[in-house]
PDB file of N, CA and C in Angstrom:
ATOM      1  N   MET A   1     -11.461  28.203 -52.151  1.00  0.00           N
ATOM      2  CA  MET A   1     -10.281  27.387 -52.063  1.00  0.00           C
ATOM      3  C   MET A   1     -10.652  25.968 -52.474  1.00  0.00           C
ATOM      4  N   LYS A   2      -9.862  25.444 -53.379  1.00  0.00           N
ATOM      5  CA  LYS A   2     -10.133  24.098 -53.887  1.00  0.00           C
ATOM      6  C   LYS A   2      -9.314  23.078 -53.100  1.00  0.00           C
ATOM      7  N   LEU A   3      -9.954  21.978 -52.744  1.00  0.00           N
ATOM      8  CA  LEU A   3      -9.290  20.941 -51.957  1.00  0.00           C
ATOM      9  C   LEU A   3      -8.588  19.910 -52.828  1.00  0.00           C
ATOM     10  N   ALA A   4      -8.933  19.826 -54.079  1.00  0.00           N
ATOM     11  CA  ALA A   4      -8.342  18.818 -54.962  1.00  0.00           C
ATOM     12  C   ALA A   4      -6.825  18.976 -55.065  1.00  0.00           C
ATOM     13  N   PRO A   5      -6.301  20.183 -55.281  1.00  0.00           N
ATOM     14  CA  PRO A   5      -4.841  20.311 -55.354  1.00  0.00           C
ATOM     15  C   PRO A   5      -4.156  19.962 -54.020  1.00  0.00           C
ATOM     16  N   LEU A   6      -4.828  20.272 -52.923  1.00  0.00           N
ATOM     17  CA  LEU A   6      -4.252  19.948 -51.615  1.00  0.00           C
ATOM     18  C   LEU A   6      -4.121  18.435 -51.449  1.00  0.00           C
ATOM     19  N   PHE A   7      -5.201  17.698 -51.750  1.00  0.00           N
ATOM     20  CA  PHE A   7      -5.159  16.246 -51.628  1.00  0.00           C
ATOM     21  C   PHE A   7      -4.190  15.631 -52.623  1.00  0.00           C
ATOM     22  N   CYS A   8      -4.088  16.191 -53.787  1.00  0.00           N
ATOM     23  CA  CYS A   8      -3.143  15.689 -54.787  1.00  0.00           C
ATOM     24  C   CYS A   8      -1.713  15.859 -54.276  1.00  0.00           C
ATOM     25  N   GLY A   9      -1.427  16.988 -53.659  1.00  0.00           N
ATOM     26  CA  GLY A   9      -0.093  17.229 -53.106  1.00  0.00           C
ATOM     27  C   GLY A   9       0.214  16.293 -51.945  1.00  0.00           C
ATOM     28  N   LEU A  10      -0.777  16.049 -51.101  1.00  0.00           N
ATOM     29  CA  LEU A  10      -0.584  15.132 -49.979  1.00  0.00           C
ATOM     30  C   LEU A  10      -0.328  13.707 -50.460  1.00  0.00           C
ATOM     31  N   ALA A  11      -1.096  13.269 -51.448  1.00  0.00           N
ATOM     32  CA  ALA A  11      -0.931  11.922 -51.981  1.00  0.00           C
ATOM     33  C   ALA A  11       0.447  11.773 -52.616  1.00  0.00           C
ATOM     34  N   THR A  12       0.877  12.792 -53.371  1.00  0.00           N
ATOM     35  CA  THR A  12       2.196  12.733 -54.007  1.00  0.00           C
ATOM     36  C   THR A  12       3.289  12.684 -52.940  1.00  0.00           C
ATOM     37  N   GLY A  13       3.149  13.476 -51.907  1.00  0.00           N
ATOM     38  CA  GLY A  13       4.139  13.480 -50.825  1.00  0.00           C
ATOM     39  C   GLY A  13       4.210  12.147 -50.106  1.00  0.00           C
ATOM     40  N   LEU A  14       3.053  11.548 -49.870  1.00  0.00           N
ATOM     41  CA  LEU A  14       3.031  10.240 -49.225  1.00  0.00           C
ATOM     42  C   LEU A  14       3.699   9.174 -50.090  1.00  0.00           C
ATOM     43  N   LEU A  15       3.415   9.190 -51.369  1.00  0.00           N
ATOM     44  CA  LEU A  15       4.025   8.205 -52.268  1.00  0.00           C
ATOM     45  C   LEU A  15       5.535   8.384 -52.336  1.00  0.00           C
ATOM     46  N   VAL A  16       5.974   9.621 -52.442  1.00  0.00           N
ATOM     47  CA  VAL A  16       7.416   9.869 -52.514  1.00  0.00           C
ATOM     48  C   VAL A  16       8.083   9.473 -51.200  1.00  0.00           C
ATOM     49  N   GLY A  17       7.473   9.802 -50.089  1.00  0.00           N
ATOM     50  CA  GLY A  17       8.044   9.446 -48.793  1.00  0.00           C
ATOM     51  C   GLY A  17       8.096   7.953 -48.586  1.00  0.00           C
ATOM     52  N   ALA A  18       7.027   7.251 -48.953  1.00  0.00           N
ATOM     53  CA  ALA A  18       6.997   5.797 -48.789  1.00  0.00           C
ATOM     54  C   ALA A  18       8.013   5.125 -49.675  1.00  0.00           C
ATOM     55  N   SER A  19       8.120   5.585 -50.919  1.00  0.00           N
ATOM     56  CA  SER A  19       9.101   4.967 -51.818  1.00  0.00           C
ATOM     57  C   SER A  19      10.520   5.264 -51.352  1.00  0.00           C
ATOM     58  N   THR A  20      10.768   6.441 -50.797  1.00  0.00           N
ATOM     59  CA  THR A  20      12.105   6.763 -50.287  1.00  0.00           C
ATOM     60  C   THR A  20      12.463   5.870 -49.113  1.00  0.00           C
ATOM     61  N   VAL A  21      11.516   5.646 -48.222  1.00  0.00           N
ATOM     62  CA  VAL A  21      11.766   4.776 -47.076  1.00  0.00           C
ATOM     63  C   VAL A  21      12.028   3.357 -47.537  1.00  0.00           C
ATOM     64  N   LEU A  22      11.244   2.865 -48.491  1.00  0.00           N
ATOM     65  CA  LEU A  22      11.429   1.500 -48.966  1.00  0.00           C
ATOM     66  C   LEU A  22      12.761   1.326 -49.689  1.00  0.00           C
ATOM     67  N   MET A  23      13.181   2.333 -50.419  1.00  0.00           N
ATOM     68  CA  MET A  23      14.439   2.233 -51.167  1.00  0.00           C
ATOM     69  C   MET A  23      15.662   2.342 -50.255  1.00  0.00           C
ATOM     70  N   THR A  24      15.539   3.069 -49.178  1.00  0.00           N
ATOM     71  CA  THR A  24      16.694   3.270 -48.301  1.00  0.00           C
ATOM     72  C   THR A  24      16.707   2.326 -47.100  1.00  0.00           C
ATOM     73  N   THR A  25      15.732   1.478 -46.970  1.00  0.00           N
ATOM     74  CA  THR A  25      15.679   0.523 -45.880  1.00  0.00           C
ATOM     75  C   THR A  25      16.758  -0.529 -46.084  1.00  0.00           C
ATOM     76  N   PRO A  26      17.536  -0.846 -44.996  1.00  0.00           N
ATOM     77  CA  PRO A  26      18.592  -1.840 -45.145  1.00  0.00           C
ATOM     78  C   PRO A  26      18.061  -3.269 -45.259  1.00  0.00           C
ATOM     79  N   LYS A  27      16.802  -3.480 -44.968  1.00  0.00           N
ATOM     80  CA  LYS A  27      16.214  -4.821 -45.057  1.00  0.00           C
ATOM     81  C   LYS A  27      15.344  -4.913 -46.308  1.00  0.00           C
ATOM     82  N   SER A  28      15.165  -6.126 -46.748  1.00  0.00           N
ATOM     83  CA  SER A  28      14.271  -6.334 -47.885  1.00  0.00           C
ATOM     84  C   SER A  28      12.827  -6.288 -47.406  1.00  0.00           C
ATOM     85  N   GLY A  29      11.902  -6.211 -48.316  1.00  0.00           N
ATOM     86  CA  GLY A  29      10.480  -6.156 -47.968  1.00  0.00           C
ATOM     87  C   GLY A  29      10.039  -7.369 -47.178  1.00  0.00           C
ATOM     88  N   MET A  30      10.528  -8.538 -47.568  1.00  0.00           N
ATOM     89  CA  MET A  30      10.154  -9.769 -46.872  1.00  0.00           C
ATOM     90  C   MET A  30      10.687  -9.742 -45.439  1.00  0.00           C
ATOM     91  N   GLU A  31      11.913  -9.246 -45.261  1.00  0.00           N
ATOM     92  CA  GLU A  31      12.485  -9.167 -43.915  1.00  0.00           C
ATOM     93  C   GLU A  31      11.705  -8.178 -43.048  1.00  0.00           C
ATOM     94  N   VAL A  32      11.324  -7.059 -43.650  1.00  0.00           N
ATOM     95  CA  VAL A  32      10.556  -6.053 -42.903  1.00  0.00           C
ATOM     96  C   VAL A  32       9.208  -6.628 -42.490  1.00  0.00           C
ATOM     97  N   ARG A  33       8.530  -7.332 -43.400  1.00  0.00           N
ATOM     98  CA  ARG A  33       7.232  -7.931 -43.070  1.00  0.00           C
ATOM     99  C   ARG A  33       7.373  -8.984 -41.971  1.00  0.00           C
ATOM    100  N   SER A  34       8.391  -9.829 -42.083  1.00  0.00           N
ATOM    101  CA  SER A  34       8.572 -10.864 -41.058  1.00  0.00           C
ATOM    102  C   SER A  34       8.941 -10.227 -39.717  1.00  0.00           C
ATOM    103  N   SER A  35       9.710  -9.164 -39.750  1.00  0.00           N
ATOM    104  CA  SER A  35      10.054  -8.463 -38.523  1.00  0.00           C
ATOM    105  C   SER A  35       8.807  -7.852 -37.884  1.00  0.00           C
ATOM    106  N   LEU A  36       7.951  -7.237 -38.712  1.00  0.00           N
ATOM    107  CA  LEU A  36       6.711  -6.664 -38.195  1.00  0.00           C
ATOM    108  C   LEU A  36       5.785  -7.736 -37.626  1.00  0.00           C
ATOM    109  N   LYS A  37       5.714  -8.893 -38.320  1.00  0.00           N
ATOM    110  CA  LYS A  37       4.872  -9.981 -37.823  1.00  0.00           C
ATOM    111  C   LYS A  37       5.372 -10.493 -36.477  1.00  0.00           C
ATOM    112  N   SER A  38       6.690 -10.700 -36.370  1.00  0.00           N
ATOM    113  CA  SER A  38       7.226 -11.217 -35.108  1.00  0.00           C
ATOM    114  C   SER A  38       7.047 -10.195 -33.989  1.00  0.00           C
ATOM    115  N   SER A  39       7.216  -8.920 -34.326  1.00  0.00           N
ATOM    116  CA  SER A  39       7.010  -7.879 -33.318  1.00  0.00           C
ATOM    117  C   SER A  39       5.550  -7.840 -32.871  1.00  0.00           C
ATOM    118  N   SER A  40       4.638  -7.961 -33.816  1.00  0.00           N
ATOM    119  CA  SER A  40       3.218  -7.933 -33.443  1.00  0.00           C
ATOM    120  C   SER A  40       2.843  -9.177 -32.649  1.00  0.00           C
ATOM    121  N   ASN A  41       3.427 -10.332 -32.990  1.00  0.00           N
ATOM    122  CA  ASN A  41       3.161 -11.554 -32.223  1.00  0.00           C
ATOM    123  C   ASN A  41       3.706 -11.426 -30.799  1.00  0.00           C
ATOM    124  N   ASP A  42       4.912 -10.865 -30.674  1.00  0.00           N
ATOM    125  CA  ASP A  42       5.482 -10.661 -29.341  1.00  0.00           C
ATOM    126  C   ASP A  42       4.601  -9.715 -28.525  1.00  0.00           C
ATOM    127  N   PHE A  43       4.132  -8.674 -29.177  1.00  0.00           N
ATOM    128  CA  PHE A  43       3.271  -7.712 -28.495  1.00  0.00           C
ATOM    129  C   PHE A  43       1.978  -8.376 -28.031  1.00  0.00           C
ATOM    130  N   ARG A  44       1.389  -9.204 -28.868  1.00  0.00           N
ATOM    131  CA  ARG A  44       0.158  -9.910 -28.494  1.00  0.00           C
ATOM    132  C   ARG A  44       0.409 -10.865 -27.334  1.00  0.00           C
ATOM    133  N   ASP A  45       1.547 -11.580 -27.389  1.00  0.00           N
ATOM    134  CA  ASP A  45       1.874 -12.496 -26.298  1.00  0.00           C
ATOM    135  C   ASP A  45       2.046 -11.755 -24.977  1.00  0.00           C
ATOM    136  N   LYS A  46       2.753 -10.631 -25.032  1.00  0.00           N
ATOM    137  CA  LYS A  46       2.958  -9.847 -23.809  1.00  0.00           C
ATOM    138  C   LYS A  46       1.636  -9.295 -23.303  1.00  0.00           C
ATOM    139  N   LEU A  47       0.795  -8.875 -24.220  1.00  0.00           N
ATOM    140  CA  LEU A  47      -0.512  -8.353 -23.830  1.00  0.00           C
ATOM    141  C   LEU A  47      -1.365  -9.436 -23.181  1.00  0.00           C
ATOM    142  N   SER A  48      -1.331 -10.640 -23.721  1.00  0.00           N
ATOM    143  CA  SER A  48      -2.110 -11.732 -23.117  1.00  0.00           C
ATOM    144  C   SER A  48      -1.529 -12.112 -21.755  1.00  0.00           C
ATOM    145  N   ASP A  49      -0.195 -12.064 -21.607  1.00  0.00           N
ATOM    146  CA  ASP A  49       0.415 -12.329 -20.302  1.00  0.00           C
ATOM    147  C   ASP A  49      -0.024 -11.287 -19.281  1.00  0.00           C
ATOM    148  N   ILE A  50      -0.057 -10.044 -19.703  1.00  0.00           N
ATOM    149  CA  ILE A  50      -0.485  -8.977 -18.797  1.00  0.00           C
ATOM    150  C   ILE A  50      -1.941  -9.177 -18.394  1.00  0.00           C
ATOM    151  N   LYS A  51      -2.784  -9.580 -19.338  1.00  0.00           N
ATOM    152  CA  LYS A  51      -4.192  -9.834 -19.012  1.00  0.00           C
ATOM    153  C   LYS A  51      -4.324 -10.961 -17.982  1.00  0.00           C
ATOM    154  N   LEU A  52      -3.518 -12.027 -18.159  1.00  0.00           N
ATOM    155  CA  LEU A  52      -3.563 -13.134 -17.201  1.00  0.00           C
ATOM    156  C   LEU A  52      -3.082 -12.687 -15.825  1.00  0.00           C
ATOM    157  N   GLN A  53      -2.027 -11.903 -15.798  1.00  0.00           N
ATOM    158  CA  GLN A  53      -1.509 -11.424 -14.520  1.00  0.00           C
ATOM    159  C   GLN A  53      -2.512 -10.505 -13.829  1.00  0.00           C
ATOM    160  N   LEU A  54      -3.180  -9.659 -14.602  1.00  0.00           N
ATOM    161  CA  LEU A  54      -4.205  -8.791 -14.022  1.00  0.00           C
ATOM    162  C   LEU A  54      -5.368  -9.611 -13.463  1.00  0.00           C
ATOM    163  N   ALA A  55      -5.734 -10.671 -14.166  1.00  0.00           N
ATOM    164  CA  ALA A  55      -6.801 -11.543 -13.672  1.00  0.00           C
ATOM    165  C   ALA A  55      -6.371 -12.211 -12.369  1.00  0.00           C
ATOM    166  N   ASP A  56      -5.106 -12.642 -12.279  1.00  0.00           N
ATOM    167  CA  ASP A  56      -4.601 -13.236 -11.044  1.00  0.00           C
ATOM    168  C   ASP A  56      -4.614 -12.238  -9.900  1.00  0.00           C
ATOM    169  N   VAL A  57      -4.206 -11.005 -10.190  1.00  0.00           N
ATOM    170  CA  VAL A  57      -4.208  -9.967  -9.153  1.00  0.00           C
ATOM    171  C   VAL A  57      -5.638  -9.709  -8.678  1.00  0.00           C
ATOM    172  N   LYS A  58      -6.566  -9.657  -9.620  1.00  0.00           N
ATOM    173  CA  LYS A  58      -7.967  -9.413  -9.262  1.00  0.00           C
ATOM    174  C   LYS A  58      -8.488 -10.540  -8.371  1.00  0.00           C
ATOM    175  N   ASN A  59      -8.173 -11.784  -8.729  1.00  0.00           N
ATOM    176  CA  ASN A  59      -8.600 -12.926  -7.911  1.00  0.00           C
ATOM    177  C   ASN A  59      -7.968 -12.880  -6.524  1.00  0.00           C
ATOM    178  N   SER A  60      -6.704 -12.511  -6.467  1.00  0.00           N
ATOM    179  CA  SER A  60      -6.017 -12.420  -5.174  1.00  0.00           C
ATOM    180  C   SER A  60      -6.656 -11.348  -4.304  1.00  0.00           C
ATOM    181  N   ILE A  61      -6.988 -10.226  -4.893  1.00  0.00           N
ATOM    182  CA  ILE A  61      -7.627  -9.148  -4.130  1.00  0.00           C
ATOM    183  C   ILE A  61      -8.989  -9.595  -3.631  1.00  0.00           C
ATOM    184  N   ASN A  62      -9.753 -10.279  -4.477  1.00  0.00           N
ATOM    185  CA  ASN A  62     -11.063 -10.779  -4.053  1.00  0.00           C
ATOM    186  C   ASN A  62     -10.935 -11.779  -2.905  1.00  0.00           C
ATOM    187  N   ASN A  63      -9.959 -12.688  -3.008  1.00  0.00           N
ATOM    188  CA  ASN A  63      -9.743 -13.670  -1.939  1.00  0.00           C
ATOM    189  C   ASN A  63      -9.324 -12.989  -0.644  1.00  0.00           C
ATOM    190  N   LEU A  64      -8.444 -12.000  -0.751  1.00  0.00           N
ATOM    191  CA  LEU A  64      -7.999 -11.273   0.432  1.00  0.00           C
ATOM    192  C   LEU A  64      -9.158 -10.522   1.073  1.00  0.00           C
ATOM    193  N   THR A  65      -9.988  -9.910   0.259  1.00  0.00           N
ATOM    194  CA  THR A  65     -11.141  -9.178   0.784  1.00  0.00           C
ATOM    195  C   THR A  65     -12.100 -10.123   1.507  1.00  0.00           C
ATOM    196  N   ASN A  66     -12.385 -11.258   0.895  1.00  0.00           N
ATOM    197  CA  ASN A  66     -13.303 -12.225   1.514  1.00  0.00           C
ATOM    198  C   ASN A  66     -12.740 -12.769   2.827  1.00  0.00           C
ATOM    199  N   SER A  67     -11.459 -13.115   2.827  1.00  0.00           N
ATOM    200  CA  SER A  67     -10.875 -13.667   4.056  1.00  0.00           C
ATOM    201  C   SER A  67     -10.779 -12.602   5.143  1.00  0.00           C
ATOM    202  N   SER A  68     -10.518 -11.347   4.752  1.00  0.00           N
ATOM    203  CA  SER A  68     -10.445 -10.295   5.772  1.00  0.00           C
ATOM    204  C   SER A  68     -11.826 -10.016   6.365  1.00  0.00           C
ATOM    205  N   LYS A  69     -12.869 -10.177   5.578  1.00  0.00           N
ATOM    206  CA  LYS A  69     -14.224  -9.993   6.106  1.00  0.00           C
ATOM    207  C   LYS A  69     -14.538 -11.033   7.179  1.00  0.00           C
ATOM    208  N   GLU A  70     -13.926 -12.201   7.075  1.00  0.00           N
ATOM    209  CA  GLU A  70     -14.163 -13.253   8.056  1.00  0.00           C
ATOM    210  C   GLU A  70     -13.232 -13.128   9.254  1.00  0.00           C
ATOM    211  N   VAL A  71     -11.979 -12.782   9.001  1.00  0.00           N
ATOM    212  CA  VAL A  71     -10.971 -12.817  10.056  1.00  0.00           C
ATOM    213  C   VAL A  71     -10.995 -11.575  10.936  1.00  0.00           C
ATOM    214  N   VAL A  72     -11.160 -10.413  10.348  1.00  0.00           N
ATOM    215  CA  VAL A  72     -11.053  -9.169  11.115  1.00  0.00           C
ATOM    216  C   VAL A  72     -12.104  -9.076  12.236  1.00  0.00           C
ATOM    217  N   PRO A  73     -13.365  -9.340  11.983  1.00  0.00           N
ATOM    218  CA  PRO A  73     -14.329  -9.240  13.091  1.00  0.00           C
ATOM    219  C   PRO A  73     -14.035 -10.209  14.239  1.00  0.00           C
ATOM    220  N   SER A  74     -13.637 -11.425  13.925  1.00  0.00           N
ATOM    221  CA  SER A  74     -13.333 -12.372  15.002  1.00  0.00           C
ATOM    222  C   SER A  74     -12.088 -11.937  15.774  1.00  0.00           C
ATOM    223  N   THR A  75     -11.120 -11.357  15.080  1.00  0.00           N
ATOM    224  CA  THR A  75      -9.922 -10.869  15.765  1.00  0.00           C
ATOM    225  C   THR A  75     -10.267  -9.711  16.690  1.00  0.00           C
ATOM    226  N   ILE A  76     -11.131  -8.828  16.246  1.00  0.00           N
ATOM    227  CA  ILE A  76     -11.542  -7.700  17.075  1.00  0.00           C
ATOM    228  C   ILE A  76     -12.266  -8.195  18.325  1.00  0.00           C
ATOM    229  N   GLU A  77     -13.140  -9.157  18.168  1.00  0.00           N
ATOM    230  CA  GLU A  77     -13.855  -9.711  19.325  1.00  0.00           C
ATOM    231  C   GLU A  77     -12.881 -10.376  20.296  1.00  0.00           C
ATOM    232  N   ASP A  78     -11.898 -11.101  19.761  1.00  0.00           N
ATOM    233  CA  ASP A  78     -10.898 -11.733  20.619  1.00  0.00           C
ATOM    234  C   ASP A  78     -10.109 -10.680  21.400  1.00  0.00           C
ATOM    235  N   LEU A  79      -9.745  -9.603  20.730  1.00  0.00           N
ATOM    236  CA  LEU A  79      -9.013  -8.530  21.404  1.00  0.00           C
ATOM    237  C   LEU A  79      -9.858  -7.892  22.496  1.00  0.00           C
ATOM    238  N   LYS A  80     -11.129  -7.648  22.203  1.00  0.00           N
ATOM    239  CA  LYS A  80     -12.012  -7.047  23.205  1.00  0.00           C
ATOM    240  C   LYS A  80     -12.130  -7.941  24.429  1.00  0.00           C
ATOM    241  N   SER A  81     -12.292  -9.238  24.209  1.00  0.00           N
ATOM    242  CA  SER A  81     -12.426 -10.145  25.354  1.00  0.00           C
ATOM    243  C   SER A  81     -11.105 -10.246  26.118  1.00  0.00           C
ATOM    244  N   SER A  82      -9.981 -10.208  25.427  1.00  0.00           N
ATOM    245  CA  SER A  82      -8.687 -10.253  26.110  1.00  0.00           C
ATOM    246  C   SER A  82      -8.470  -9.010  26.961  1.00  0.00           C
ATOM    247  N   ILE A  83      -8.843  -7.856  26.433  1.00  0.00           N
ATOM    248  CA  ILE A  83      -8.697  -6.606  27.189  1.00  0.00           C
ATOM    249  C   ILE A  83      -9.613  -6.609  28.411  1.00  0.00           C
ATOM    250  N   ALA A  84     -10.830  -7.074  28.243  1.00  0.00           N
ATOM    251  CA  ALA A  84     -11.762  -7.138  29.372  1.00  0.00           C
ATOM    252  C   ALA A  84     -11.239  -8.095  30.447  1.00  0.00           C
ATOM    253  N   GLN A  85     -10.703  -9.227  30.032  1.00  0.00           N
ATOM    254  CA  GLN A  85     -10.153 -10.193  30.984  1.00  0.00           C
ATOM    255  C   GLN A  85      -8.949  -9.593  31.708  1.00  0.00           C
ATOM    256  N   TRP A  86      -8.087  -8.881  30.982  1.00  0.00           N
ATOM    257  CA  TRP A  86      -6.914  -8.247  31.596  1.00  0.00           C
ATOM    258  C   TRP A  86      -7.349  -7.206  32.628  1.00  0.00           C
ATOM    259  N   LYS A  87      -8.370  -6.412  32.276  1.00  0.00           N
ATOM    260  CA  LYS A  87      -8.868  -5.408  33.219  1.00  0.00           C
ATOM    261  C   LYS A  87      -9.409  -6.077  34.479  1.00  0.00           C
ATOM    262  N   ASN A  88     -10.143  -7.171  34.314  1.00  0.00           N
ATOM    263  CA  ASN A  88     -10.700  -7.874  35.473  1.00  0.00           C
ATOM    264  C   ASN A  88      -9.595  -8.463  36.351  1.00  0.00           C
ATOM    265  N   GLU A  89      -8.553  -8.974  35.717  1.00  0.00           N
ATOM    266  CA  GLU A  89      -7.459  -9.584  36.469  1.00  0.00           C
ATOM    267  C   GLU A  89      -6.602  -8.534  37.171  1.00  0.00           C
ATOM    268  N   THR A  90      -6.453  -7.371  36.583  1.00  0.00           N
ATOM    269  CA  THR A  90      -5.571  -6.355  37.172  1.00  0.00           C
ATOM    270  C   THR A  90      -6.294  -5.403  38.104  1.00  0.00           C
ATOM    271  N   ALA A  91      -7.617  -5.409  38.135  1.00  0.00           N
ATOM    272  CA  ALA A  91      -8.371  -4.491  39.001  1.00  0.00           C
ATOM    273  C   ALA A  91      -8.016  -4.675  40.476  1.00  0.00           C
ATOM    274  N   PRO A  92      -7.975  -5.917  41.012  1.00  0.00           N
ATOM    275  CA  PRO A  92      -7.604  -6.069  42.432  1.00  0.00           C
ATOM    276  C   PRO A  92      -6.166  -5.601  42.710  1.00  0.00           C
ATOM    277  N   LEU A  93      -5.287  -5.884  41.786  1.00  0.00           N
ATOM    278  CA  LEU A  93      -3.902  -5.457  41.982  1.00  0.00           C
ATOM    279  C   LEU A  93      -3.791  -3.932  41.961  1.00  0.00           C
ATOM    280  N   GLN A  94      -4.542  -3.311  41.114  1.00  0.00           N
ATOM    281  CA  GLN A  94      -4.533  -1.854  41.025  1.00  0.00           C
ATOM    282  C   GLN A  94      -5.055  -1.246  42.334  1.00  0.00           C
ATOM    283  N   ALA A  95      -6.123  -1.814  42.856  1.00  0.00           N
ATOM    284  CA  ALA A  95      -6.667  -1.314  44.125  1.00  0.00           C
ATOM    285  C   ALA A  95      -5.663  -1.519  45.251  1.00  0.00           C
ATOM    286  N   GLN A  96      -5.000  -2.654  45.275  1.00  0.00           N
ATOM    287  CA  GLN A  96      -4.002  -2.942  46.303  1.00  0.00           C
ATOM    288  C   GLN A  96      -2.829  -1.963  46.199  1.00  0.00           C
ATOM    289  N   LEU A  97      -2.374  -1.693  44.979  1.00  0.00           N
ATOM    290  CA  LEU A  97      -1.276  -0.743  44.785  1.00  0.00           C
ATOM    291  C   LEU A  97      -1.678   0.660  45.235  1.00  0.00           C
ATOM    292  N   GLN A  98      -2.886   1.057  44.935  1.00  0.00           N
ATOM    293  CA  GLN A  98      -3.349   2.388  45.357  1.00  0.00           C
ATOM    294  C   GLN A  98      -3.418   2.474  46.886  1.00  0.00           C
ATOM    295  N   ALA A  99      -3.851   1.410  47.513  1.00  0.00           N
ATOM    296  CA  ALA A  99      -3.911   1.393  48.977  1.00  0.00           C
ATOM    297  C   ALA A  99      -2.503   1.476  49.559  1.00  0.00           C
ATOM    298  N   GLU A 100      -1.567   0.758  48.992  1.00  0.00           N
ATOM    299  CA  GLU A 100      -0.188   0.802  49.477  1.00  0.00           C
ATOM    300  C   GLU A 100       0.432   2.182  49.256  1.00  0.00           C
ATOM    301  N   ILE A 101       0.142   2.802  48.135  1.00  0.00           N
ATOM    302  CA  ILE A 101       0.669   4.138  47.866  1.00  0.00           C
ATOM    303  C   ILE A 101       0.111   5.142  48.872  1.00  0.00           C
ATOM    304  N   SER A 102      -1.168   5.059  49.157  1.00  0.00           N
ATOM    305  CA  SER A 102      -1.760   5.993  50.122  1.00  0.00           C
ATOM    306  C   SER A 102      -1.204   5.736  51.522  1.00  0.00           C
ATOM    307  N   SER A 103      -0.954   4.488  51.872  1.00  0.00           N
ATOM    308  CA  SER A 103      -0.371   4.208  53.195  1.00  0.00           C
ATOM    309  C   SER A 103       1.066   4.720  53.265  1.00  0.00           C
ATOM    310  N   ILE A 104       1.814   4.615  52.190  1.00  0.00           N
ATOM    311  CA  ILE A 104       3.172   5.163  52.149  1.00  0.00           C
ATOM    312  C   ILE A 104       3.134   6.677  52.280  1.00  0.00           C
ATOM    313  N   GLN A 105       2.187   7.323  51.621  1.00  0.00           N
ATOM    314  CA  GLN A 105       2.052   8.772  51.724  1.00  0.00           C
ATOM    315  C   GLN A 105       1.709   9.191  53.157  1.00  0.00           C
ATOM    316  N   GLU A 106       0.826   8.448  53.799  1.00  0.00           N
ATOM    317  CA  GLU A 106       0.464   8.753  55.182  1.00  0.00           C
ATOM    318  C   GLU A 106       1.667   8.586  56.095  1.00  0.00           C
ATOM    319  N   ALA A 107       2.429   7.522  55.862  1.00  0.00           N
ATOM    320  CA  ALA A 107       3.612   7.288  56.693  1.00  0.00           C
ATOM    321  C   ALA A 107       4.627   8.410  56.488  1.00  0.00           C
ATOM    322  N   MET A 108       4.795   8.884  55.280  1.00  0.00           N
ATOM    323  CA  MET A 108       5.731   9.978  55.024  1.00  0.00           C
ATOM    324  C   MET A 108       5.254  11.261  55.683  1.00  0.00           C
ATOM    325  N   GLU A 109       3.953  11.517  55.645  1.00  0.00           N
ATOM    326  CA  GLU A 109       3.414  12.710  56.299  1.00  0.00           C
ATOM    327  C   GLU A 109       3.645  12.658  57.804  1.00  0.00           C
ATOM    328  N   GLU A 110       3.462  11.480  58.405  1.00  0.00           N
ATOM    329  CA  GLU A 110       3.719  11.325  59.833  1.00  0.00           C
ATOM    330  C   GLU A 110       5.188  11.550  60.160  1.00  0.00           C
ATOM    331  N   LEU A 111       6.060  10.994  59.313  1.00  0.00           N
ATOM    332  CA  LEU A 111       7.489  11.201  59.524  1.00  0.00           C
ATOM    333  C   LEU A 111       7.860  12.671  59.392  1.00  0.00           C
ATOM    334  N   GLU A 112       7.274  13.361  58.432  1.00  0.00           N
ATOM    335  CA  GLU A 112       7.553  14.785  58.264  1.00  0.00           C
ATOM    336  C   GLU A 112       7.090  15.576  59.479  1.00  0.00           C
ATOM    337  N   LYS A 113       5.985  15.175  60.094  1.00  0.00           N
ATOM    338  CA  LYS A 113       5.494  15.864  61.285  1.00  0.00           C
ATOM    339  C   LYS A 113       6.406  15.613  62.484  1.00  0.00           C
ATOM    340  N   LYS A 114       6.949  14.391  62.595  1.00  0.00           N
ATOM    341  CA  LYS A 114       7.790  14.015  63.740  1.00  0.00           C
ATOM    342  C   LYS A 114       9.180  14.630  63.642  1.00  0.00           C
ATOM    343  N   LEU A 115       9.718  14.746  62.430  1.00  0.00           N
ATOM    344  CA  LEU A 115      11.056  15.288  62.260  1.00  0.00           C
ATOM    345  C   LEU A 115      11.014  16.810  62.302  1.00  0.00           C
ATOM    346  N   PRO A 116      11.960  17.397  63.016  1.00  0.00           N
ATOM    347  CA  PRO A 116      11.984  18.856  63.042  1.00  0.00           C
ATOM    348  C   PRO A 116      12.465  19.373  61.678  1.00  0.00           C
ATOM    349  N   LYS A 117      11.979  20.523  61.337  1.00  0.00           N
ATOM    350  CA  LYS A 117      12.392  21.107  60.085  1.00  0.00           C
ATOM    351  C   LYS A 117      13.794  21.674  60.250  1.00  0.00           C
ATOM    352  N   LYS A 118      14.609  21.599  59.236  1.00  0.00           N
ATOM    353  CA  LYS A 118      16.006  22.030  59.297  1.00  0.00           C
ATOM    354  C   LYS A 118      16.087  23.530  59.530  1.00  0.00           C
ATOM    355  N   GLN A 119      15.269  24.290  58.910  1.00  0.00           N
ATOM    356  CA  GLN A 119      15.324  25.738  59.044  1.00  0.00           C
ATOM    357  C   GLN A 119      14.969  26.139  60.480  1.00  0.00           C
ATOM    358  N   GLU A 120      14.014  25.491  61.057  1.00  0.00           N
ATOM    359  CA  GLU A 120      13.625  25.834  62.413  1.00  0.00           C
ATOM    360  C   GLU A 120      14.702  25.415  63.407  1.00  0.00           C
ATOM    361  N   ALA A 121      15.418  24.330  63.102  1.00  0.00           N
ATOM    362  CA  ALA A 121      16.459  23.847  63.997  1.00  0.00           C
ATOM    363  C   ALA A 121      17.673  24.780  63.942  1.00  0.00           C
ATOM    364  N   ASN A 122      17.975  25.369  62.821  1.00  0.00           N
ATOM    365  CA  ASN A 122      19.117  26.249  62.648  1.00  0.00           C
ATOM    366  C   ASN A 122      18.874  27.622  63.219  1.00  0.00           C
ATOM    367  N   VAL A 123      17.673  28.066  63.389  1.00  0.00           N
ATOM    368  CA  VAL A 123      17.351  29.422  63.854  1.00  0.00           C
ATOM    369  C   VAL A 123      17.454  29.550  65.320  1.00  0.00           C
TER     370      VAL A 123
END
């Protein structure tokens, strides 16, 4: 199989297609070139804006990471000390409440012993 006729056919097809597009284009060649240039310039501008925005996002993430490395451990320590202080402050109250609950339970048991049971009273 010879490749020369294949390439010749491809080249002819490309030339015919390109000339057909150029002849049927509603714009002149100069207008098409200027349109392509402005489109490529707009694309480059947008691409550079995106690069700047990505750099800003990267810097923001780095700053957030650095500040969180400093703030989070100190916040955790503050929380631990606050919880320990709360436990120390509420321990006496908790013991007092437990003592009062047990005394109330004892008083109820005594009252239950003193009061006759309804079923026994009805029989």
